[in-house]
Amino acid sequence: MDTRATVEDLLARIGTGDPEEIAAIYAEQVDWQLDWPEEELGGDVPWIRRRATRADVAEHYRALGAHHDASRAHAEVDQILVDGGEAVITGTIVNTVSHTGKRYRSHFALHVTVEHGLVARHHVYEDSLSVHRAWHGH
């Protein structure tokens, strides 16, 4: 499977919301980074934390599902840029945190590396402040 096909498969799986199905397209060991000021905020938002394995990836998507109102979620992909095994996906996500009812909108760039048809790197850059505010009800 080539990089574009893997990325399109990844996005389709994310659209299903099934954590195990999503995690299955990741390598056993994953270079996972989030754009998050960990030294300031630590682990105060449950789904935003370091991940390193396929099982961690499934936990990430379980936490996302557990803390958001899926009926009010929306994502839009603007571009998929591919160069060899590297891809960057840009777009916008809109989510509502379940326990606060607060909605956030965040533009994102997701940089993935595909190796042997699996996602080996997942680095996402988003508006972490809007996520933090929604989590805390601001």
Protein backbone atom coordinates (compact mmCIF):
# COMPACT_ATOMS: atom_id res chain seq x y z
CA MET A 1 0.00 0.00 0.00
CA ASP A 2 1.43 3.42 -0.89
CA THR A 3 1.54 6.44 1.42
CA ARG A 4 -1.53 8.20 0.02
CA ALA A 5 -3.61 5.02 0.20
CA THR A 6 -2.49 4.42 3.80
CA VAL A 7 -3.36 8.00 4.78
CA GLU A 8 -6.77 7.76 3.12
CA ASP A 9 -7.35 4.45 4.93
CA LEU A 10 -6.28 6.07 8.23
CA LEU A 11 -8.73 8.95 7.74
CA ALA A 12 -11.56 6.55 6.86
CA ARG A 13 -10.83 4.51 9.99
CA ILE A 14 -10.78 7.64 12.16
CA GLY A 15 -14.18 8.45 10.67
CA THR A 16 -15.58 5.15 11.97
CA GLY A 17 -14.60 6.01 15.54
CA ASP A 18 -13.57 2.40 16.30
CA PRO A 19 -10.36 2.62 18.37
CA GLU A 20 -9.19 -0.92 17.59
CA GLU A 21 -9.80 -0.50 13.88
CA ILE A 22 -7.93 2.81 13.86
CA ALA A 23 -5.00 1.42 15.88
CA ALA A 24 -4.62 -1.54 13.50
CA ILE A 25 -3.15 0.76 10.82
CA TYR A 26 -0.37 1.91 13.17
CA ALA A 27 2.99 0.18 13.60
CA GLU A 28 3.59 -1.72 16.85
CA GLN A 29 5.99 1.08 17.92
CA VAL A 30 4.89 4.64 17.07
CA ASP A 31 6.74 7.97 17.19
CA TRP A 32 3.81 9.97 18.61
CA GLN A 33 3.92 13.69 19.41
CA LEU A 34 1.28 16.27 20.15
CA ASP A 35 1.62 20.02 20.06
CA TRP A 36 1.06 20.47 23.78
CA PRO A 37 2.99 22.41 26.45
CA GLU A 38 3.50 19.37 28.66
CA GLU A 39 5.76 21.19 31.12
CA GLU A 40 2.93 23.65 31.85
CA LEU A 41 -0.16 21.51 31.55
CA GLY A 42 1.10 18.00 32.24
CA GLY A 43 -1.59 15.41 31.67
CA ASP A 44 -4.60 17.55 32.47
CA VAL A 45 -6.55 16.55 29.33
CA PRO A 46 -7.01 12.74 29.30
CA TRP A 47 -6.45 12.03 25.61
CA ILE A 48 -3.44 14.33 25.28
CA ARG A 49 -0.42 12.38 26.45
CA ARG A 50 2.58 10.54 25.13
CA ARG A 51 1.93 7.37 23.17
CA ALA A 52 4.44 4.82 21.92
CA THR A 53 2.63 1.63 20.93
CA ARG A 54 -0.33 0.45 18.89
CA ALA A 55 -2.16 -0.28 22.17
CA ASP A 56 -1.49 3.32 23.27
CA VAL A 57 -3.01 4.54 20.00
CA ALA A 58 -6.19 2.57 20.66
CA GLU A 59 -6.34 4.08 24.16
CA HIS A 60 -5.98 7.57 22.65
CA TYR A 61 -9.00 7.05 20.41
CA ARG A 62 -11.00 5.44 23.26
CA ALA A 63 -10.30 8.51 25.42
CA LEU A 64 -11.29 10.85 22.60
CA GLY A 65 -14.58 9.01 22.23
CA ALA A 66 -15.24 8.88 25.97
CA HIS A 67 -14.80 12.63 26.46
CA HIS A 68 -16.53 14.07 23.39
CA ASP A 69 -20.08 14.29 22.11
CA ALA A 70 -19.76 12.33 18.85
CA SER A 71 -23.07 13.70 17.55
CA ARG A 72 -21.55 17.20 17.50
CA ALA A 73 -18.12 16.29 16.10
CA HIS A 74 -16.96 17.38 12.69
CA ALA A 75 -13.68 17.18 10.82
CA GLU A 76 -12.71 18.61 7.48
CA VAL A 77 -9.57 17.72 5.57
CA ASP A 78 -8.23 20.51 3.38
CA GLN A 79 -5.13 18.90 1.88
CA ILE A 80 -3.09 15.74 1.86
CA LEU A 81 0.49 16.36 0.79
CA VAL A 82 2.64 13.29 0.07
CA ASP A 83 6.38 13.00 -0.46
CA GLY A 84 7.62 9.42 -0.48
CA GLY A 85 6.76 7.87 2.88
CA GLU A 86 5.89 11.23 4.43
CA ALA A 87 2.46 12.88 4.41
CA VAL A 88 0.98 16.01 5.92
CA ILE A 89 -2.77 16.31 6.35
CA THR A 90 -4.23 19.74 7.06
CA GLY A 91 -7.73 20.58 8.12
CA THR A 92 -10.07 21.61 10.90
CA ILE A 93 -11.69 19.68 13.73
CA VAL A 94 -14.70 20.75 15.74
CA ASN A 95 -15.51 18.87 18.93
CA THR A 96 -17.60 19.29 22.07
CA VAL A 97 -16.23 18.17 25.43
CA SER A 98 -18.92 16.03 27.07
CA HIS A 99 -18.56 17.07 30.71
CA THR A 100 -18.44 20.84 30.04
CA GLY A 101 -20.57 21.09 26.90
CA LYS A 102 -17.92 23.45 25.52
CA ARG A 103 -17.17 23.33 21.85
CA TYR A 104 -13.77 23.94 20.32
CA ARG A 105 -12.57 24.43 16.79
CA SER A 106 -8.97 23.76 15.90
CA HIS A 107 -7.05 23.89 12.67
CA PHE A 108 -4.54 21.06 12.52
CA ALA A 109 -1.59 19.67 10.61
CA LEU A 110 -0.89 15.97 11.03
CA HIS A 111 2.52 14.73 9.89
CA VAL A 112 2.68 10.98 9.40
CA THR A 113 5.38 8.63 8.22
CA VAL A 114 4.25 5.43 6.55
CA GLU A 115 6.47 2.36 6.64
CA HIS A 116 5.37 -0.98 5.14
CA GLY A 117 1.78 0.26 4.89
CA LEU A 118 1.58 1.27 8.58
CA VAL A 119 1.73 4.65 10.30
CA ALA A 120 5.06 4.77 12.15
CA ARG A 121 5.02 8.48 13.02
CA HIS A 122 2.06 10.61 14.16
CA HIS A 123 2.93 14.24 14.95
CA VAL A 124 -0.06 16.55 15.26
CA TYR A 125 -0.04 20.33 15.54
CA GLU A 126 -3.26 21.97 16.67
CA ASP A 127 -4.66 24.75 18.83
CA SER A 128 -4.04 23.10 22.18
CA LEU A 129 -5.20 26.20 24.06
CA SER A 130 -8.74 25.89 22.64
CA VAL A 131 -8.80 22.21 23.68
CA HIS A 132 -7.57 23.08 27.19
CA ARG A 133 -10.18 25.85 27.56
CA ALA A 134 -13.03 23.59 26.44
CA TRP A 135 -11.90 20.84 28.83
CA HIS A 136 -11.97 23.30 31.74
CA GLY A 137 -15.20 25.00 30.67
CA HIS A 138 -13.69 28.37 29.75
